[in-house]
Protein backbone atom coordinates (compact mmCIF):
# COMPACT_ATOMS: atom_id res chain seq x y z
CA MET A 1 100.03 -145.81 -31.29
CA ALA A 2 102.31 -147.89 -33.50
CA ASP A 3 100.52 -150.81 -35.14
CA VAL A 4 102.45 -154.11 -35.31
CA LYS A 5 101.52 -155.66 -38.64
CA VAL A 6 101.01 -159.40 -38.42
CA LYS A 7 101.72 -161.45 -41.49
CA LYS A 8 99.22 -163.75 -43.11
CA GLU A 9 98.44 -167.08 -41.48
CA SER A 10 100.78 -168.89 -43.87
CA ASP A 11 103.70 -166.65 -42.84
CA PRO A 12 105.54 -166.98 -39.50
CA VAL A 13 104.52 -164.47 -36.80
CA ASP A 14 107.17 -161.91 -35.82
CA VAL A 15 107.07 -162.85 -32.13
CA ALA A 16 109.99 -160.60 -31.19
CA ALA A 17 108.22 -157.51 -32.62
CA ILE A 18 105.00 -158.34 -30.74
CA GLU A 19 106.92 -158.91 -27.49
CA THR A 20 108.66 -155.55 -27.90
CA ARG A 21 105.38 -153.75 -28.58
CA ILE A 22 103.63 -155.29 -25.53
CA LYS A 23 106.55 -154.24 -23.31
CA GLU A 24 106.37 -150.72 -24.79
CA LEU A 25 102.66 -150.56 -23.93
CA CYS A 26 103.42 -151.67 -20.37
CA GLN A 27 105.99 -148.89 -20.07
CA GLN A 28 103.45 -146.34 -21.33
CA PHE A 29 100.93 -147.56 -18.76
CA PRO A 30 103.01 -148.48 -15.67
CA HIS A 31 99.94 -149.44 -13.63
CA GLY A 32 99.18 -152.22 -16.11
CA ILE A 33 97.38 -152.90 -19.38
CA THR A 34 94.36 -155.05 -20.13
CA ASP A 35 93.96 -157.52 -22.96
CA GLN A 36 91.69 -154.96 -24.64
CA VAL A 37 94.54 -152.42 -24.81
CA ILE A 38 96.69 -154.96 -26.66
CA GLN A 39 93.79 -155.80 -29.00
CA ASN A 40 93.20 -152.13 -29.81
CA ASP A 41 96.90 -151.56 -30.50
CA MET A 42 97.31 -154.72 -32.59
CA PRO A 43 93.87 -155.44 -34.10
CA HIS A 44 95.22 -157.87 -36.69
CA LEU A 45 96.82 -160.12 -34.07
CA GLU A 46 94.82 -163.31 -33.49
CA ALA A 47 93.79 -164.24 -29.94
CA GLN A 48 95.83 -167.46 -30.01
CA GLN A 49 98.97 -165.61 -31.13
CA ARG A 50 98.42 -162.90 -28.52
CA ALA A 51 98.01 -165.49 -25.75
CA MET A 52 101.15 -167.32 -26.89
CA VAL A 53 103.31 -164.16 -26.67
CA ILE A 54 101.85 -163.07 -23.33
CA ASN A 55 102.38 -166.53 -21.82
CA LYS A 56 105.98 -166.48 -23.02
CA LEU A 57 106.61 -163.08 -21.35
CA LEU A 58 104.97 -164.35 -18.14
CA SER A 59 107.06 -167.55 -18.12
CA LEU A 60 110.26 -165.52 -18.66
CA GLY A 61 109.32 -163.39 -15.64
CA GLN A 62 109.16 -160.18 -17.69
CA LEU A 63 105.48 -159.52 -16.95
CA ASP A 64 103.34 -159.66 -13.81
CA LEU A 65 99.76 -160.90 -13.97
CA LEU A 66 97.47 -158.89 -11.70
CA LYS A 67 93.75 -158.79 -11.09
CA ASN A 68 91.52 -155.82 -10.32
CA SER A 69 87.82 -154.95 -10.55
CA SER A 70 87.98 -154.60 -14.35
CA GLY A 71 89.71 -157.96 -14.93
CA LEU A 72 93.26 -159.12 -15.60
CA LEU A 73 96.16 -156.69 -15.93
CA TYR A 74 99.64 -157.20 -17.38
CA ARG A 75 102.42 -155.09 -15.85
CA MET A 76 106.16 -154.90 -16.42
CA LYS A 77 108.02 -156.71 -13.67
CA ASP A 78 110.54 -154.61 -11.79
CA ALA A 79 113.91 -155.56 -13.32
CA GLN A 80 115.76 -155.36 -10.01
CA SER A 81 113.22 -157.57 -8.22
CA ALA A 82 113.12 -160.01 -11.11
CA SER A 83 116.90 -160.42 -11.03
CA LYS A 84 116.91 -160.90 -7.25
CA MET A 85 114.09 -163.47 -7.46
CA LYS A 86 116.03 -165.44 -10.05
CA GLY A 87 116.91 -168.82 -8.58
CA SER A 88 114.22 -168.63 -5.87
CA ASP A 89 112.02 -171.67 -5.38
CA ASN A 90 108.26 -171.64 -5.97
CA GLN A 91 107.45 -171.22 -2.26
CA GLU A 92 109.57 -168.08 -2.00
CA LYS A 93 108.00 -166.69 -5.19
CA LEU A 94 104.53 -167.42 -3.79
CA VAL A 95 105.21 -165.56 -0.53
CA TYR A 96 106.70 -162.63 -2.49
CA GLN A 97 103.59 -162.47 -4.69
CA ILE A 98 101.29 -162.50 -1.64
CA ILE A 99 103.20 -159.59 -0.08
CA GLU A 100 103.22 -157.70 -3.39
CA ASP A 101 99.44 -158.08 -3.70
CA ALA A 102 99.03 -156.56 -0.21
CA GLY A 103 100.32 -153.22 -1.55
CA ASN A 104 101.20 -150.35 0.77
CA LYS A 105 99.02 -151.57 3.65
CA GLY A 106 101.16 -154.64 4.14
CA ILE A 107 100.15 -158.06 5.43
CA TRP A 108 100.51 -159.89 8.77
CA THR A 109 102.57 -163.08 9.04
CA ARG A 110 99.41 -164.95 10.04
CA ASP A 111 97.65 -163.90 6.82
CA ILE A 112 100.68 -164.83 4.71
CA ARG A 113 100.68 -168.28 6.30
CA PHE A 114 96.93 -168.65 5.67
CA LYS A 115 97.27 -167.74 1.98
CA CYS A 116 100.35 -169.82 1.19
CA ASN A 117 99.38 -172.77 3.41
CA LEU A 118 102.98 -173.28 4.59
CA PRO A 119 104.22 -174.09 8.13
CA LEU A 120 105.03 -171.06 10.29
CA THR A 121 108.72 -172.02 10.54
CA GLU A 122 108.96 -172.18 6.74
CA VAL A 123 107.17 -168.82 6.33
CA ASN A 124 109.52 -167.15 8.85
CA LYS A 125 112.54 -168.60 7.03
CA ILE A 126 111.29 -167.26 3.67
CA LEU A 127 110.51 -163.82 5.14
CA LYS A 128 113.98 -163.58 6.64
CA ASN A 129 115.54 -164.56 3.32
CA LEU A 130 113.47 -162.00 1.35
CA GLU A 131 114.38 -159.31 3.90
CA SER A 132 118.10 -160.10 3.54
CA LYS A 133 117.77 -159.64 -0.25
CA LYS A 134 116.03 -156.28 0.38
CA LEU A 135 112.98 -157.44 -1.55
CA ILE A 136 110.59 -156.89 1.37
CA LYS A 137 110.60 -154.99 4.67
CA ALA A 138 108.83 -155.27 8.02
CA VAL A 139 106.96 -152.18 9.22
CA LYS A 140 105.51 -151.68 12.70
CA SER A 141 101.84 -150.74 12.62
CA VAL A 142 100.34 -148.10 14.92
CA ALA A 143 97.23 -150.29 15.14
CA ALA A 144 99.15 -153.01 16.99
CA SER A 145 102.48 -152.08 18.55
CA LYS A 146 103.72 -155.66 18.94
CA LYS A 147 102.94 -156.76 15.39
CA LYS A 148 104.65 -156.10 12.08
CA VAL A 149 103.29 -156.03 8.56
CA TYR A 150 105.34 -156.95 5.49
CA MET A 151 105.41 -155.06 2.20
CA LEU A 152 107.77 -154.67 -0.76
CA TYR A 153 111.03 -152.94 0.07
CA ASN A 154 110.50 -149.85 -2.12
CA VAL A 155 106.83 -149.32 -1.19
CA GLN A 156 105.86 -146.27 0.91
CA PRO A 157 103.63 -147.47 3.79
CA ASP A 158 100.03 -146.29 3.93
CA ARG A 159 99.06 -143.66 6.54
CA SER A 160 96.87 -146.25 8.28
CA VAL A 161 100.04 -148.25 9.02
CA THR A 162 102.42 -145.44 10.08
CA GLY A 163 99.85 -143.06 11.56
CA GLY A 164 100.95 -140.34 9.15
CA ALA A 165 102.45 -137.08 10.37
CA TRP A 166 101.01 -137.46 13.88
CA TYR A 167 103.13 -140.47 14.86
CA SER A 168 106.85 -140.91 15.40
CA ASP A 169 108.13 -144.42 16.15
CA GLN A 170 104.53 -145.43 16.94
CA ASP A 171 104.19 -142.68 19.56
CA PHE A 172 101.45 -140.09 19.10
CA GLU A 173 103.05 -136.62 18.89
CA SER A 174 100.50 -134.78 21.05
CA GLU A 175 102.75 -131.73 21.57
CA PHE A 176 103.32 -131.37 17.82
CA VAL A 177 99.58 -131.59 17.17
CA GLU A 178 98.93 -128.95 19.86
CA VAL A 179 101.46 -126.55 18.29
CA LEU A 180 99.84 -126.98 14.88
CA ASN A 181 96.44 -126.48 16.49
CA GLN A 182 97.54 -123.19 18.03
CA GLN A 183 99.25 -121.89 14.86
CA CYS A 184 96.29 -122.70 12.59
CA PHE A 185 93.94 -120.91 14.99
CA LYS A 186 96.35 -117.97 15.28
CA PHE A 187 96.39 -117.58 11.48
CA LEU A 188 92.59 -117.59 11.26
CA GLN A 189 92.29 -115.20 14.22
CA SER A 190 94.72 -112.70 12.67
CA LYS A 191 92.81 -112.88 9.38
CA ALA A 192 89.56 -112.19 11.23
CA GLU A 193 91.11 -109.24 13.11
CA VAL A 194 92.36 -107.67 9.86
CA ALA A 195 88.86 -108.05 8.41
CA ARG A 196 87.27 -106.35 11.47
CA ASP A 197 89.77 -103.49 11.37
CA SER A 198 88.92 -102.81 7.72
CA LYS A 199 85.64 -101.13 8.84
CA GLN A 200 83.88 -102.57 5.80
CA SER A 201 80.29 -103.83 5.76
CA PRO A 202 79.58 -106.95 7.90
CA MET A 203 79.26 -109.17 4.80
CA ILE A 204 82.59 -107.98 3.35
CA GLN A 205 84.25 -108.41 6.75
CA ARG A 206 82.94 -111.97 7.01
CA ASN A 207 84.10 -112.90 3.50
CA SER A 208 87.51 -111.34 4.13
CA SER A 209 87.97 -113.42 7.30
CA LEU A 210 87.56 -116.71 5.41
CA ALA A 211 90.64 -118.76 4.46
CA THR A 212 91.06 -121.91 2.40
CA SER A 213 92.84 -124.95 3.77
CA HIS A 214 95.51 -124.29 1.12
CA GLU A 215 96.19 -120.83 2.63
CA VAL A 216 96.49 -122.33 6.12
CA TRP A 217 98.73 -125.12 4.79
CA LYS A 218 100.98 -122.58 3.04
CA TYR A 219 101.25 -120.52 6.25
CA ILE A 220 102.24 -123.59 8.31
CA CYS A 221 104.80 -124.68 5.70
CA GLU A 222 106.38 -121.20 5.66
CA LEU A 223 106.66 -121.24 9.47
CA GLY A 224 108.93 -124.30 9.20
CA ILE A 225 107.68 -125.83 12.46
CA SER A 226 107.22 -129.31 11.01
CA LYS A 227 110.07 -131.76 10.39
CA VAL A 228 107.81 -133.85 8.15
CA ASP A 229 106.01 -132.85 4.97
CA LEU A 230 102.42 -132.00 5.81
CA SER A 231 99.66 -132.45 3.27
CA MET A 232 96.48 -130.40 2.88
CA GLU A 233 94.65 -133.39 4.33
CA ASP A 234 96.79 -133.15 7.48
CA ILE A 235 95.94 -129.46 7.90
CA GLU A 236 92.24 -130.15 7.34
CA THR A 237 92.43 -132.74 10.13
CA ILE A 238 93.83 -130.08 12.48
CA LEU A 239 91.15 -127.61 11.36
CA SER A 240 88.50 -130.25 12.09
CA THR A 241 89.69 -130.48 15.71
CA LEU A 242 89.36 -126.67 15.96
CA ILE A 243 85.80 -126.96 14.66
CA TYR A 244 85.01 -129.57 17.34
CA ASP A 245 86.54 -127.19 19.92
CA GLY A 246 84.14 -124.46 18.79
CA LYS A 247 87.01 -122.16 17.73
CA VAL A 248 86.53 -122.40 13.96
CA GLU A 249 83.61 -122.73 11.58
CA MET A 250 83.66 -124.14 8.08
CA THR A 251 81.75 -123.12 4.95
CA ILE A 252 81.64 -125.08 1.69
CA ILE A 253 81.28 -123.18 -1.58
CA ALA A 254 81.25 -124.13 -5.27
CA ALA A 255 84.56 -123.63 -7.06
CA LYS A 256 85.78 -123.81 -10.64
CA GLU A 257 87.52 -126.99 -11.68
CA GLY A 258 91.26 -126.67 -11.15
CA THR A 259 91.02 -123.97 -8.48
CA VAL A 260 93.77 -124.43 -5.87
CA GLY A 261 92.32 -126.15 -2.80
CA SER A 262 89.13 -127.34 -4.51
CA VAL A 263 87.99 -130.96 -4.62
CA ASP A 264 85.23 -132.19 -6.96
CA GLY A 265 84.10 -128.63 -7.66
CA GLN A 266 83.86 -127.69 -3.98
CA MET A 267 86.08 -125.66 -1.68
CA LYS A 268 86.21 -125.55 2.12
CA LEU A 269 86.58 -122.14 3.76
CA TYR A 270 87.46 -121.66 7.42
CA ARG A 271 87.29 -118.72 9.82
CA GLY A 272 88.06 -118.22 13.47
CA VAL A 273 85.08 -117.49 15.71
CA ASN A 274 84.56 -116.29 19.27
CA PRO A 275 81.54 -117.72 21.15
CA VAL A 276 78.87 -115.15 21.96
CA ILE A 277 78.31 -116.70 25.40
CA GLN A 278 80.40 -119.21 27.28
CA PRO A 279 78.86 -122.70 27.13
CA THR A 280 77.76 -124.43 30.34
CA GLY A 281 79.95 -127.02 32.03
CA LEU A 282 77.78 -129.91 30.81
CA VAL A 283 78.14 -128.84 27.17
CA LYS A 284 81.91 -128.60 27.63
CA THR A 285 82.15 -132.29 28.52
CA PRO A 286 84.48 -133.77 25.85
CA CYS A 287 82.46 -136.97 25.43
CA GLY A 288 79.30 -135.02 24.57
CA LEU A 289 80.87 -133.52 21.42
CA CYS A 290 83.39 -136.24 20.55
CA PRO A 291 83.05 -137.46 16.91
CA VAL A 292 84.74 -140.79 17.74
CA PHE A 293 82.76 -141.50 20.90
CA ASP A 294 81.64 -144.95 19.67
CA GLU A 295 85.25 -146.02 19.00
CA CYS A 296 86.55 -144.92 22.42
CA HIS A 297 87.30 -147.69 24.91
CA GLU A 298 90.09 -148.73 27.27
CA GLY A 299 92.84 -150.68 25.52
CA GLY A 300 91.93 -149.27 22.13
CA GLU A 301 93.73 -146.76 19.92
CA ILE A 302 91.27 -144.14 21.24
CA SER A 303 90.67 -144.41 24.99
CA PRO A 304 89.56 -142.14 27.88
CA SER A 305 92.89 -142.51 29.71
CA ARG A 306 94.81 -141.21 26.66
CA CYS A 307 92.33 -138.47 25.71
CA ILE A 308 93.98 -135.03 25.98
CA TYR A 309 90.56 -133.35 25.95
CA MET A 310 89.38 -135.41 28.93
CA THR A 311 92.62 -134.69 30.82
CA GLU A 312 92.30 -130.94 30.24
CA TRP A 313 88.63 -130.98 31.27
CA LEU A 314 89.33 -132.89 34.51
CA ASN A 315 92.24 -130.60 35.38
CA PHE A 316 89.98 -127.58 34.87
């Protein structure tokens, strides 16, 4: 790193050079820098001088002051947002900062009002103004269909807000999930059939029938049946439902660091299975095997009336 040389105490400090270097550090570390990073880069800079330059950059609106578990962070302020916020009053800046701190999960109007301690009419007026400037946006949450959360305009909403790939305009895409379910199982079944036809030893056949979630994900992507980009996590969610259905089993093995599909030195392997005997009717009851049984209740996101497994079981 370049070292900004500070002159002796009797000489004037080159404030412009220090400002430039701090902004360069912020650009190198876009998520923010701590005071320690600045100290390490400019060890000869006195604490009072460092504080003076940082405070100047904060007052000019060139830096954002954030707080995380490790302490205070300094981050370059988005130039476009800074220019749009120019001329805004303190109340508008406060509401903007509250929404920015909420990140990609957003924040309810009620929580904004609680944090800024402003009347509801004033909060609504500020939100409308920020939306018109395209500084923030309102996003409908799948957790509550009649409520909206606010986040910065350029922020991608968290999966917990949008529902991820399984939701479209707050509606659960049950048919899409079922198609993915069938295709993932079909892939694992065909892999198992190829392994059986190889006439190898039982152990080799079993190992040959195993597939990583990355292989299943690649197969689904190549099919082109999804209009949205699916992640490996999405495919593993589908594979989990197949495990609960008794159609697939999963094995976890150790894997070398950097191996495709491995996480923390472990890799999940899946294979399609056929039950030796058909389970009894009581065992087939969806509620008896449901992993979210405790969260299921009428009026909730998961409820008996909306459960596709319960509907299929009753129709049977």
